[in-house]
Amino acid sequence: MTQKEKLEKLNEKMIACKKCALRKTCTQVVPGEGSANASIVLIGEGPGKKEDELGRPFVGAAGKFLDEMLSVIKLEREDVYIANTVKCRPPENRDPSTKEKETCWPWLEKQIAIIQPKVIITLGRHSMNLFLPDEKISEAHGKSFEINFPGMGKQTFFALYHPAAALYNGSMRQTLIDDFKKISKLLKK
């Protein structure tokens, strides 16, 4: 079975999942999308309203900015894999709870195991803290971390602010772009 086929089979299982209360309040599960052979996996917090409607990650305003940042390093959505810490939209776009993230963790772990990316990019503090629990996003953004992570082995993580931060604070836009430009060097290592 190819990586793509494994990912499609996993997505089917995620779509059928009803392990947490988020499934009762969302329109649909948003497993993730992109290349099963991606060198980069980007992990956000959770689906928003637009994502919940369309069943795709990062399709709202933050997603448009993410697309723009990808183009800065000459990549498109199809070249990477985009997922979230939770696969269902938290009501009113609230932060996902620790329990909700723990419930979805096996799905994310399996996605990463299938794709085997060179770099995992965390988008915001919620996804960063899954892998780097002692870091603060204000200090970790734009930095890479090589960690021997349980169940994944040695893995490179790169912390970024969430693209939505630039929508609420215009001065963050350039910081995100500057941090994003560092990804090309990471991939060449």
C-alpha atoms as a PDB file:
ATOM      1  CA  MET A   1       0.000   0.000   0.000  1.00  0.00           C
ATOM      2  CA  THR A   2       1.376   3.437  -0.940  1.00  0.00           C
ATOM      3  CA  GLN A   3       1.673   6.331   1.517  1.00  0.00           C
ATOM      4  CA  LYS A   4      -1.215   8.032  -0.277  1.00  0.00           C
ATOM      5  CA  GLU A   5      -3.416   4.959   0.105  1.00  0.00           C
ATOM      6  CA  LYS A   6      -2.487   4.629   3.793  1.00  0.00           C
ATOM      7  CA  LEU A   7      -3.365   8.282   4.360  1.00  0.00           C
ATOM      8  CA  GLU A   8      -6.691   7.932   2.531  1.00  0.00           C
ATOM      9  CA  LYS A   9      -7.571   4.891   4.659  1.00  0.00           C
ATOM     10  CA  LEU A  10      -6.615   6.796   7.827  1.00  0.00           C
ATOM     11  CA  ASN A  11      -8.734   9.774   6.715  1.00  0.00           C
ATOM     12  CA  GLU A  12     -11.743   7.463   6.318  1.00  0.00           C
ATOM     13  CA  LYS A  13     -11.271   6.274   9.899  1.00  0.00           C
ATOM     14  CA  MET A  14     -10.942   9.869  11.160  1.00  0.00           C
ATOM     15  CA  ILE A  15     -14.136  10.899   9.369  1.00  0.00           C
ATOM     16  CA  ALA A  16     -15.992   8.056  11.120  1.00  0.00           C
ATOM     17  CA  CYS A  17     -14.536   8.940  14.571  1.00  0.00           C
ATOM     18  CA  LYS A  18     -16.942   9.952  17.334  1.00  0.00           C
ATOM     19  CA  LYS A  19     -14.555   9.719  20.310  1.00  0.00           C
ATOM     20  CA  CYS A  20     -15.033  13.264  21.604  1.00  0.00           C
ATOM     21  CA  ALA A  21     -17.791  15.829  22.078  1.00  0.00           C
ATOM     22  CA  LEU A  22     -16.432  18.045  19.274  1.00  0.00           C
ATOM     23  CA  ARG A  23     -17.890  15.662  16.690  1.00  0.00           C
ATOM     24  CA  LYS A  24     -21.389  16.394  17.977  1.00  0.00           C
ATOM     25  CA  THR A  25     -21.052  20.155  17.407  1.00  0.00           C
ATOM     26  CA  CYS A  26     -19.105  20.344  14.144  1.00  0.00           C
ATOM     27  CA  THR A  27     -20.412  20.015  10.592  1.00  0.00           C
ATOM     28  CA  GLN A  28     -17.704  17.591   9.522  1.00  0.00           C
ATOM     29  CA  VAL A  29     -14.296  16.174  10.402  1.00  0.00           C
ATOM     30  CA  VAL A  30     -11.322  17.955   8.802  1.00  0.00           C
ATOM     31  CA  PRO A  31      -8.571  15.309   8.640  1.00  0.00           C
ATOM     32  CA  GLY A  32      -5.977  17.298   6.691  1.00  0.00           C
ATOM     33  CA  GLU A  33      -4.793  17.535   3.098  1.00  0.00           C
ATOM     34  CA  GLY A  34      -1.763  17.654   0.887  1.00  0.00           C
ATOM     35  CA  SER A  35       0.988  15.383  -0.318  1.00  0.00           C
ATOM     36  CA  ALA A  36       1.451  12.012   1.373  1.00  0.00           C
ATOM     37  CA  ASN A  37       5.134  12.343   0.396  1.00  0.00           C
ATOM     38  CA  ALA A  38       5.579  15.857   1.768  1.00  0.00           C
ATOM     39  CA  SER A  39       8.876  16.971   3.290  1.00  0.00           C
ATOM     40  CA  ILE A  40       6.897  19.428   5.416  1.00  0.00           C
ATOM     41  CA  VAL A  41       3.880  18.857   7.649  1.00  0.00           C
ATOM     42  CA  LEU A  42       2.232  22.038   8.933  1.00  0.00           C
ATOM     43  CA  ILE A  43       0.120  21.631  12.061  1.00  0.00           C
ATOM     44  CA  GLY A  44      -2.415  24.222  13.159  1.00  0.00           C
ATOM     45  CA  GLU A  45      -4.754  24.379  16.121  1.00  0.00           C
ATOM     46  CA  GLY A  46      -8.149  23.253  14.821  1.00  0.00           C
ATOM     47  CA  PRO A  47     -10.641  23.884  12.044  1.00  0.00           C
ATOM     48  CA  GLY A  48     -12.431  27.226  11.990  1.00  0.00           C
ATOM     49  CA  LYS A  49     -15.870  28.026  10.592  1.00  0.00           C
ATOM     50  CA  LYS A  50     -14.852  27.985   6.918  1.00  0.00           C
ATOM     51  CA  GLU A  51     -12.803  24.801   7.368  1.00  0.00           C
ATOM     52  CA  ASP A  52     -15.757  23.121   9.089  1.00  0.00           C
ATOM     53  CA  GLU A  53     -18.023  24.085   6.183  1.00  0.00           C
ATOM     54  CA  LEU A  54     -15.631  22.914   3.443  1.00  0.00           C
ATOM     55  CA  GLY A  55     -13.891  19.991   5.190  1.00  0.00           C
ATOM     56  CA  ARG A  56     -10.444  21.382   4.340  1.00  0.00           C
ATOM     57  CA  PRO A  57      -7.794  22.900   6.626  1.00  0.00           C
ATOM     58  CA  PHE A  58      -6.698  26.544   6.381  1.00  0.00           C
ATOM     59  CA  VAL A  59      -9.163  27.784   3.757  1.00  0.00           C
ATOM     60  CA  GLY A  60     -10.222  31.017   5.460  1.00  0.00           C
ATOM     61  CA  ALA A  61      -8.292  34.285   5.739  1.00  0.00           C
ATOM     62  CA  ALA A  62      -5.451  32.640   7.713  1.00  0.00           C
ATOM     63  CA  GLY A  63      -5.247  29.992   4.989  1.00  0.00           C
ATOM     64  CA  LYS A  64      -4.864  32.626   2.294  1.00  0.00           C
ATOM     65  CA  PHE A  65      -1.952  34.094   4.232  1.00  0.00           C
ATOM     66  CA  LEU A  66      -0.470  30.602   4.670  1.00  0.00           C
ATOM     67  CA  ASP A  67      -0.683  30.124   0.878  1.00  0.00           C
ATOM     68  CA  GLU A  68       1.098  33.457   0.433  1.00  0.00           C
ATOM     69  CA  MET A  69       3.870  32.406   2.827  1.00  0.00           C
ATOM     70  CA  LEU A  70       4.266  29.071   1.043  1.00  0.00           C
ATOM     71  CA  SER A  71       4.722  30.924  -2.252  1.00  0.00           C
ATOM     72  CA  VAL A  72       7.533  32.979  -0.647  1.00  0.00           C
ATOM     73  CA  ILE A  73       9.538  29.739  -0.389  1.00  0.00           C
ATOM     74  CA  LYS A  74       8.291  28.552  -3.800  1.00  0.00           C
ATOM     75  CA  LEU A  75       5.896  25.908  -2.500  1.00  0.00           C
ATOM     76  CA  GLU A  76       2.192  25.301  -2.950  1.00  0.00           C
ATOM     77  CA  ARG A  77      -0.354  23.517  -0.774  1.00  0.00           C
ATOM     78  CA  GLU A  78       0.037  20.397  -2.910  1.00  0.00           C
ATOM     79  CA  ASP A  79       3.734  20.207  -1.927  1.00  0.00           C
ATOM     80  CA  VAL A  80       3.110  20.048   1.835  1.00  0.00           C
ATOM     81  CA  TYR A  81       0.685  18.353   4.201  1.00  0.00           C
ATOM     82  CA  ILE A  82      -1.574  20.503   6.388  1.00  0.00           C
ATOM     83  CA  ALA A  83      -3.264  19.151   9.515  1.00  0.00           C
ATOM     84  CA  ASN A  84      -4.518  20.344  12.908  1.00  0.00           C
ATOM     85  CA  THR A  85      -4.166  19.266  16.521  1.00  0.00           C
ATOM     86  CA  VAL A  86      -7.906  18.518  16.591  1.00  0.00           C
ATOM     87  CA  LYS A  87      -9.888  17.365  13.586  1.00  0.00           C
ATOM     88  CA  CYS A  88     -13.251  18.912  14.502  1.00  0.00           C
ATOM     89  CA  ARG A  89     -14.107  22.576  15.042  1.00  0.00           C
ATOM     90  CA  PRO A  90     -14.369  23.633  18.677  1.00  0.00           C
ATOM     91  CA  PRO A  91     -17.634  25.569  19.243  1.00  0.00           C
ATOM     92  CA  GLU A  92     -17.325  29.335  18.706  1.00  0.00           C
ATOM     93  CA  ASN A  93     -13.688  28.787  17.619  1.00  0.00           C
ATOM     94  CA  ARG A  94     -12.627  28.394  21.240  1.00  0.00           C
ATOM     95  CA  ASP A  95      -9.235  26.866  22.024  1.00  0.00           C
ATOM     96  CA  PRO A  96      -9.254  23.075  21.965  1.00  0.00           C
ATOM     97  CA  SER A  97      -9.096  21.560  25.444  1.00  0.00           C
ATOM     98  CA  THR A  98      -6.235  19.367  26.606  1.00  0.00           C
ATOM     99  CA  LYS A  99      -8.604  16.386  26.597  1.00  0.00           C
ATOM    100  CA  GLU A 100      -9.717  17.111  23.014  1.00  0.00           C
ATOM    101  CA  LYS A 101      -6.098  17.374  21.847  1.00  0.00           C
ATOM    102  CA  GLU A 102      -5.253  14.120  23.639  1.00  0.00           C
ATOM    103  CA  THR A 103      -8.206  12.377  21.987  1.00  0.00           C
ATOM    104  CA  CYS A 104      -7.070  13.494  18.518  1.00  0.00           C
ATOM    105  CA  TRP A 105      -3.355  12.894  19.181  1.00  0.00           C
ATOM    106  CA  PRO A 106      -3.307   9.291  17.817  1.00  0.00           C
ATOM    107  CA  TRP A 107      -4.686  10.539  14.487  1.00  0.00           C
ATOM    108  CA  LEU A 108      -1.998  13.201  14.150  1.00  0.00           C
ATOM    109  CA  GLU A 109       0.693  10.749  15.239  1.00  0.00           C
ATOM    110  CA  LYS A 110      -0.412   8.265  12.541  1.00  0.00           C
ATOM    111  CA  GLN A 111      -0.483  11.008   9.887  1.00  0.00           C
ATOM    112  CA  ILE A 112       3.099  11.946  10.733  1.00  0.00           C
ATOM    113  CA  ALA A 113       4.188   8.276  10.785  1.00  0.00           C
ATOM    114  CA  ILE A 114       2.756   7.716   7.292  1.00  0.00           C
ATOM    115  CA  ILE A 115       4.152  10.918   5.750  1.00  0.00           C
ATOM    116  CA  GLN A 116       7.542  10.848   7.534  1.00  0.00           C
ATOM    117  CA  PRO A 117       8.274  14.529   6.930  1.00  0.00           C
ATOM    118  CA  LYS A 118      11.681  16.106   7.124  1.00  0.00           C
ATOM    119  CA  VAL A 119      10.268  19.054   9.112  1.00  0.00           C
ATOM    120  CA  ILE A 120       7.155  19.513  11.236  1.00  0.00           C
ATOM    121  CA  ILE A 121       6.070  23.144  11.341  1.00  0.00           C
ATOM    122  CA  THR A 122       3.907  24.090  14.279  1.00  0.00           C
ATOM    123  CA  LEU A 123       1.519  26.962  13.628  1.00  0.00           C
ATOM    124  CA  GLY A 124       0.815  28.649  16.943  1.00  0.00           C
ATOM    125  CA  ARG A 125       1.236  27.717  20.563  1.00  0.00           C
ATOM    126  CA  HIS A 126      -1.344  24.914  20.677  1.00  0.00           C
ATOM    127  CA  SER A 127       0.428  22.771  18.119  1.00  0.00           C
ATOM    128  CA  MET A 128       3.879  23.820  19.330  1.00  0.00           C
ATOM    129  CA  ASN A 129       3.080  22.782  22.888  1.00  0.00           C
ATOM    130  CA  LEU A 130       2.138  19.268  21.752  1.00  0.00           C
ATOM    131  CA  PHE A 131       5.774  18.739  20.825  1.00  0.00           C
ATOM    132  CA  LEU A 132       7.588  21.451  22.783  1.00  0.00           C
ATOM    133  CA  PRO A 133       5.590  21.772  26.016  1.00  0.00           C
ATOM    134  CA  ASP A 134       8.148  23.915  27.830  1.00  0.00           C
ATOM    135  CA  GLU A 135       8.560  26.528  25.091  1.00  0.00           C
ATOM    136  CA  LYS A 136       6.835  29.894  24.768  1.00  0.00           C
ATOM    137  CA  ILE A 137       5.803  30.841  21.234  1.00  0.00           C
ATOM    138  CA  SER A 138       7.142  34.387  21.707  1.00  0.00           C
ATOM    139  CA  GLU A 139      10.622  32.941  22.294  1.00  0.00           C
ATOM    140  CA  ALA A 140      10.499  29.845  20.063  1.00  0.00           C
ATOM    141  CA  HIS A 141       9.064  31.296  16.832  1.00  0.00           C
ATOM    142  CA  GLY A 142      11.448  31.154  13.905  1.00  0.00           C
ATOM    143  CA  LYS A 143      13.608  28.496  15.567  1.00  0.00           C
ATOM    144  CA  SER A 144      14.115  24.831  14.816  1.00  0.00           C
ATOM    145  CA  PHE A 145      14.337  22.091  17.414  1.00  0.00           C
ATOM    146  CA  GLU A 146      15.701  18.588  16.862  1.00  0.00           C
ATOM    147  CA  ILE A 147      14.072  16.254  19.315  1.00  0.00           C
ATOM    148  CA  ASN A 148      14.023  12.516  19.791  1.00  0.00           C
ATOM    149  CA  PHE A 149      10.249  12.416  20.079  1.00  0.00           C
ATOM    150  CA  PRO A 150       8.519   9.316  21.484  1.00  0.00           C
ATOM    151  CA  GLY A 151       6.993   7.248  18.695  1.00  0.00           C
ATOM    152  CA  MET A 152       8.632   9.369  15.969  1.00  0.00           C
ATOM    153  CA  GLY A 153      12.341   9.131  16.624  1.00  0.00           C
ATOM    154  CA  LYS A 154      14.575  12.078  15.810  1.00  0.00           C
ATOM    155  CA  GLN A 155      12.435  14.824  14.334  1.00  0.00           C
ATOM    156  CA  THR A 156      12.967  18.453  13.336  1.00  0.00           C
ATOM    157  CA  PHE A 157      10.321  20.899  14.546  1.00  0.00           C
ATOM    158  CA  PHE A 158      10.047  24.519  13.445  1.00  0.00           C
ATOM    159  CA  ALA A 159       7.876  26.879  15.485  1.00  0.00           C
ATOM    160  CA  LEU A 160       5.851  29.675  13.901  1.00  0.00           C
ATOM    161  CA  TYR A 161       3.166  32.013  15.081  1.00  0.00           C
ATOM    162  CA  HIS A 162      -0.246  31.019  13.778  1.00  0.00           C
ATOM    163  CA  PRO A 163      -1.025  32.819  10.474  1.00  0.00           C
ATOM    164  CA  ALA A 164      -4.176  34.258  12.099  1.00  0.00           C
ATOM    165  CA  ALA A 165      -1.891  36.312  14.376  1.00  0.00           C
ATOM    166  CA  ALA A 166      -1.051  38.489  11.348  1.00  0.00           C
ATOM    167  CA  LEU A 167      -4.750  39.088  10.748  1.00  0.00           C
ATOM    168  CA  TYR A 168      -5.236  40.501  14.243  1.00  0.00           C
ATOM    169  CA  ASN A 169      -1.883  42.235  14.522  1.00  0.00           C
ATOM    170  CA  GLY A 170      -0.503  43.644  11.264  1.00  0.00           C
ATOM    171  CA  SER A 171       3.023  43.955  12.660  1.00  0.00           C
ATOM    172  CA  MET A 172       3.144  40.145  12.959  1.00  0.00           C
ATOM    173  CA  ARG A 173       2.834  39.742   9.196  1.00  0.00           C
ATOM    174  CA  GLN A 174       6.477  40.522   8.435  1.00  0.00           C
ATOM    175  CA  THR A 175       7.671  38.459  11.415  1.00  0.00           C
ATOM    176  CA  LEU A 176       5.814  35.437  10.043  1.00  0.00           C
ATOM    177  CA  ILE A 177       7.178  35.947   6.535  1.00  0.00           C
ATOM    178  CA  ASP A 178      10.730  36.373   7.834  1.00  0.00           C
ATOM    179  CA  ASP A 179      10.411  33.237   9.963  1.00  0.00           C
ATOM    180  CA  PHE A 180       8.894  31.313   7.063  1.00  0.00           C
ATOM    181  CA  LYS A 181      11.858  32.150   4.819  1.00  0.00           C
ATOM    182  CA  LYS A 182      14.101  30.146   7.183  1.00  0.00           C
ATOM    183  CA  ILE A 183      12.310  26.928   6.191  1.00  0.00           C
ATOM    184  CA  SER A 184      14.196  26.661   2.884  1.00  0.00           C
ATOM    185  CA  LYS A 185      17.506  26.410   4.764  1.00  0.00           C
ATOM    186  CA  LEU A 186      16.063  23.724   7.046  1.00  0.00           C
ATOM    187  CA  LEU A 187      15.038  21.615   4.068  1.00  0.00           C
ATOM    188  CA  LYS A 188      18.540  21.807   2.579  1.00  0.00           C
ATOM    189  CA  LYS A 189      20.124  20.343   5.740  1.00  0.00           C
END
